[in-house]
């Protein structure tokens, strides 16, 4: 009676396959998010808004807050 040899799990080969899958998914995700969805344009818009690069937010804030800033200071928070 011959005993068949059970193959061992090859962790190096498994790691290599997982890395190839990761690279493929990362490349596809990069293409979808950065290239196709134009992420850089969206990030620039957010930067312009929050860092006040164009000044519209600051101007709007001053217009909206003018009434509050004209009131005398309160002693309580």
N, C-alpha and C. Protein backbone atom coordinates (compact mmCIF):
# COMPACT_ATOMS: atom_id res chain seq x y z
N UNK A 1 0.84 -1.17 0.00
CA UNK A 1 0.00 0.00 0.00
C UNK A 1 0.89 1.24 0.00
N UNK A 2 0.74 2.07 -1.02
CA UNK A 2 1.54 3.30 -1.12
C UNK A 2 0.80 4.45 -0.46
N UNK A 3 1.54 5.27 0.25
CA UNK A 3 0.96 6.45 0.87
C UNK A 3 1.24 7.64 -0.04
N UNK A 4 0.22 8.34 -0.40
CA UNK A 4 0.44 9.51 -1.25
C UNK A 4 1.02 10.65 -0.41
N UNK A 5 1.93 11.35 -1.05
CA UNK A 5 2.60 12.45 -0.36
C UNK A 5 1.68 13.67 -0.37
N UNK A 6 1.42 14.21 0.78
CA UNK A 6 0.56 15.38 0.90
C UNK A 6 1.43 16.61 0.64
N UNK A 7 1.00 17.44 -0.30
CA UNK A 7 1.79 18.65 -0.61
C UNK A 7 1.66 19.66 0.53
N UNK A 8 2.74 20.33 0.76
CA UNK A 8 2.77 21.33 1.83
C UNK A 8 2.31 22.68 1.27
N UNK A 9 1.80 23.48 2.15
CA UNK A 9 1.36 24.82 1.77
C UNK A 9 2.60 25.69 1.56
N UNK A 10 2.71 26.28 0.40
CA UNK A 10 3.87 27.09 0.05
C UNK A 10 3.56 28.56 0.39
N UNK A 11 4.08 29.01 1.51
CA UNK A 11 3.79 30.37 1.95
C UNK A 11 4.45 31.42 1.06
N UNK A 12 5.61 31.12 0.51
CA UNK A 12 6.29 32.08 -0.35
C UNK A 12 5.49 32.31 -1.63
N UNK A 13 5.04 31.24 -2.24
CA UNK A 13 4.22 31.34 -3.44
C UNK A 13 2.90 32.06 -3.14
N UNK A 14 2.30 31.75 -2.02
CA UNK A 14 1.06 32.39 -1.61
C UNK A 14 1.27 33.90 -1.43
N UNK A 15 2.35 34.28 -0.78
CA UNK A 15 2.66 35.70 -0.56
C UNK A 15 2.86 36.41 -1.88
N UNK A 16 3.54 35.75 -2.83
CA UNK A 16 3.77 36.34 -4.14
C UNK A 16 2.46 36.58 -4.88
N UNK A 17 1.57 35.61 -4.82
CA UNK A 17 0.27 35.74 -5.48
C UNK A 17 -0.55 36.87 -4.86
N UNK A 18 -0.55 36.93 -3.54
CA UNK A 18 -1.27 38.00 -2.84
C UNK A 18 -0.71 39.37 -3.22
N UNK A 19 0.60 39.49 -3.32
CA UNK A 19 1.23 40.76 -3.72
C UNK A 19 0.85 41.15 -5.14
N UNK A 20 0.80 40.19 -6.04
CA UNK A 20 0.39 40.47 -7.42
C UNK A 20 -1.06 40.96 -7.47
N UNK A 21 -1.92 40.35 -6.67
CA UNK A 21 -3.32 40.79 -6.60
C UNK A 21 -3.40 42.19 -6.03
N UNK A 22 -2.63 42.47 -4.98
CA UNK A 22 -2.64 43.79 -4.36
C UNK A 22 -2.20 44.86 -5.35
N UNK A 23 -1.13 44.57 -6.12
CA UNK A 23 -0.64 45.53 -7.12
C UNK A 23 -1.69 45.80 -8.19
N UNK A 24 -2.36 44.77 -8.63
CA UNK A 24 -3.41 44.91 -9.64
C UNK A 24 -4.57 45.76 -9.13
N UNK A 25 -5.02 45.47 -7.92
CA UNK A 25 -6.14 46.21 -7.33
C UNK A 25 -5.74 47.67 -7.07
N UNK A 26 -4.52 47.89 -6.57
CA UNK A 26 -4.05 49.25 -6.31
C UNK A 26 -3.97 50.06 -7.60
N UNK A 27 -3.49 49.44 -8.66
CA UNK A 27 -3.39 50.12 -9.95
C UNK A 27 -4.78 50.49 -10.47
N UNK A 28 -5.70 49.56 -10.37
CA UNK A 28 -7.07 49.82 -10.85
C UNK A 28 -7.74 50.89 -10.01
N UNK A 29 -7.57 50.83 -8.71
CA UNK A 29 -8.16 51.84 -7.82
C UNK A 29 -7.58 53.21 -8.10
N UNK A 30 -6.27 53.30 -8.30
CA UNK A 30 -5.61 54.57 -8.65
C UNK A 30 -6.23 55.14 -9.93
N UNK A 31 -6.38 54.30 -10.92
CA UNK A 31 -6.95 54.77 -12.19
C UNK A 31 -8.38 55.28 -12.00
N UNK A 32 -9.19 54.55 -11.25
CA UNK A 32 -10.58 54.95 -11.05
C UNK A 32 -10.70 56.24 -10.24
N UNK A 33 -9.95 56.33 -9.15
CA UNK A 33 -10.10 57.47 -8.24
C UNK A 33 -9.36 58.71 -8.74
N UNK A 34 -8.11 58.55 -9.12
CA UNK A 34 -7.30 59.72 -9.48
C UNK A 34 -7.53 60.16 -10.91
N UNK A 35 -7.56 59.21 -11.83
CA UNK A 35 -7.67 59.58 -13.24
C UNK A 35 -9.13 59.77 -13.66
N UNK A 36 -9.94 58.75 -13.52
CA UNK A 36 -11.30 58.81 -14.03
C UNK A 36 -12.20 59.76 -13.22
N UNK A 37 -12.10 59.73 -11.91
CA UNK A 37 -12.92 60.60 -11.06
C UNK A 37 -12.30 61.98 -10.87
N UNK A 38 -11.09 62.19 -11.39
CA UNK A 38 -10.40 63.48 -11.34
C UNK A 38 -10.24 64.01 -9.91
N UNK A 39 -9.64 63.19 -9.08
CA UNK A 39 -9.47 63.50 -7.66
C UNK A 39 -8.72 64.82 -7.44
N UNK A 40 -7.71 65.10 -8.26
CA UNK A 40 -6.91 66.30 -8.03
C UNK A 40 -7.74 67.58 -8.16
N UNK A 41 -8.69 67.60 -9.07
CA UNK A 41 -9.57 68.77 -9.21
C UNK A 41 -10.42 68.93 -7.95
N UNK A 42 -10.93 67.83 -7.42
CA UNK A 42 -11.74 67.89 -6.20
C UNK A 42 -10.91 68.34 -5.01
N UNK A 43 -9.70 67.83 -4.90
CA UNK A 43 -8.83 68.25 -3.79
C UNK A 43 -8.47 69.73 -3.89
N UNK A 44 -8.23 70.22 -5.10
CA UNK A 44 -7.93 71.64 -5.29
C UNK A 44 -9.12 72.50 -4.88
N UNK A 45 -10.33 72.05 -5.22
CA UNK A 45 -11.54 72.79 -4.84
C UNK A 45 -11.68 72.86 -3.32
N UNK A 46 -11.43 71.74 -2.66
CA UNK A 46 -11.50 71.71 -1.19
C UNK A 46 -10.43 72.64 -0.60
N UNK A 47 -9.23 72.58 -1.15
CA UNK A 47 -8.15 73.44 -0.66
C UNK A 47 -8.51 74.91 -0.85
N UNK A 48 -9.02 75.25 -2.02
CA UNK A 48 -9.41 76.64 -2.28
C UNK A 48 -10.46 77.11 -1.29
N UNK A 49 -11.40 76.25 -0.95
CA UNK A 49 -12.47 76.63 -0.04
C UNK A 49 -11.97 76.76 1.40
N UNK A 50 -11.30 75.74 1.89
CA UNK A 50 -10.92 75.73 3.30
C UNK A 50 -9.69 76.56 3.60
N UNK A 51 -8.79 76.72 2.67
CA UNK A 51 -7.60 77.53 2.93
C UNK A 51 -7.77 78.96 2.44
N UNK A 52 -8.97 79.29 2.01
CA UNK A 52 -9.32 80.65 1.61
C UNK A 52 -8.44 81.17 0.47
N UNK A 53 -8.03 80.30 -0.43
CA UNK A 53 -7.14 80.71 -1.50
C UNK A 53 -7.78 81.76 -2.40
N UNK A 54 -9.06 81.60 -2.70
CA UNK A 54 -9.71 82.55 -3.60
C UNK A 54 -10.41 83.68 -2.86
N UNK A 55 -10.63 83.54 -1.57
CA UNK A 55 -11.18 84.61 -0.77
C UNK A 55 -12.69 84.66 -0.68
N UNK A 56 -13.42 83.85 -1.46
CA UNK A 56 -14.88 83.91 -1.42
C UNK A 56 -15.43 83.51 -0.05
N UNK A 57 -14.85 82.48 0.54
CA UNK A 57 -15.32 82.02 1.85
C UNK A 57 -15.13 83.11 2.90
N UNK A 58 -13.96 83.74 2.88
CA UNK A 58 -13.66 84.79 3.85
C UNK A 58 -14.63 85.96 3.67
N UNK A 59 -14.88 86.36 2.43
CA UNK A 59 -15.79 87.47 2.15
C UNK A 59 -17.21 87.13 2.62
N UNK A 60 -17.65 85.91 2.35
CA UNK A 60 -18.98 85.48 2.78
C UNK A 60 -19.07 85.44 4.30
N UNK A 61 -18.01 84.96 4.94
CA UNK A 61 -18.00 84.92 6.40
C UNK A 61 -18.12 86.32 6.98
N UNK A 62 -17.37 87.26 6.45
CA UNK A 62 -17.44 88.63 6.95
C UNK A 62 -18.83 89.23 6.76
N UNK A 63 -19.44 88.98 5.62
CA UNK A 63 -20.79 89.51 5.37
C UNK A 63 -21.80 88.90 6.33
N UNK A 64 -21.73 87.62 6.52
CA UNK A 64 -22.69 86.94 7.40
C UNK A 64 -22.45 87.25 8.88
N UNK A 65 -21.23 87.47 9.26
CA UNK A 65 -20.89 87.68 10.68
C UNK A 65 -20.88 89.15 11.07
N UNK A 66 -21.08 90.05 10.13
CA UNK A 66 -21.02 91.49 10.44
C UNK A 66 -21.97 91.86 11.58
N UNK A 67 -23.20 91.34 11.55
CA UNK A 67 -24.17 91.65 12.60
C UNK A 67 -23.69 91.15 13.96
N UNK A 68 -23.20 89.94 14.01
CA UNK A 68 -22.74 89.37 15.29
C UNK A 68 -21.52 90.13 15.81
N UNK A 69 -20.61 90.48 14.92
CA UNK A 69 -19.40 91.19 15.36
C UNK A 69 -19.68 92.63 15.77
N UNK A 70 -20.81 93.20 15.34
CA UNK A 70 -21.13 94.58 15.73
C UNK A 70 -21.75 94.67 17.12
N UNK A 71 -22.17 93.53 17.67
CA UNK A 71 -22.75 93.51 19.02
C UNK A 71 -21.65 93.70 20.06
N UNK A 72 -22.00 94.28 21.20
CA UNK A 72 -21.01 94.41 22.25
C UNK A 72 -20.60 93.04 22.81
N UNK A 73 -19.39 92.92 23.29
CA UNK A 73 -18.95 91.61 23.83
C UNK A 73 -19.76 91.20 25.05
N UNK A 74 -19.97 89.91 25.19
CA UNK A 74 -20.69 89.38 26.35
C UNK A 74 -19.65 88.82 27.33
N UNK A 75 -19.99 88.88 28.60
CA UNK A 75 -19.05 88.37 29.62
C UNK A 75 -19.21 86.87 29.80
N UNK A 76 -20.38 86.31 29.47
CA UNK A 76 -20.58 84.87 29.64
C UNK A 76 -20.35 84.18 28.30
N UNK A 77 -19.94 82.91 28.38
CA UNK A 77 -19.64 82.16 27.15
C UNK A 77 -20.85 81.54 26.55
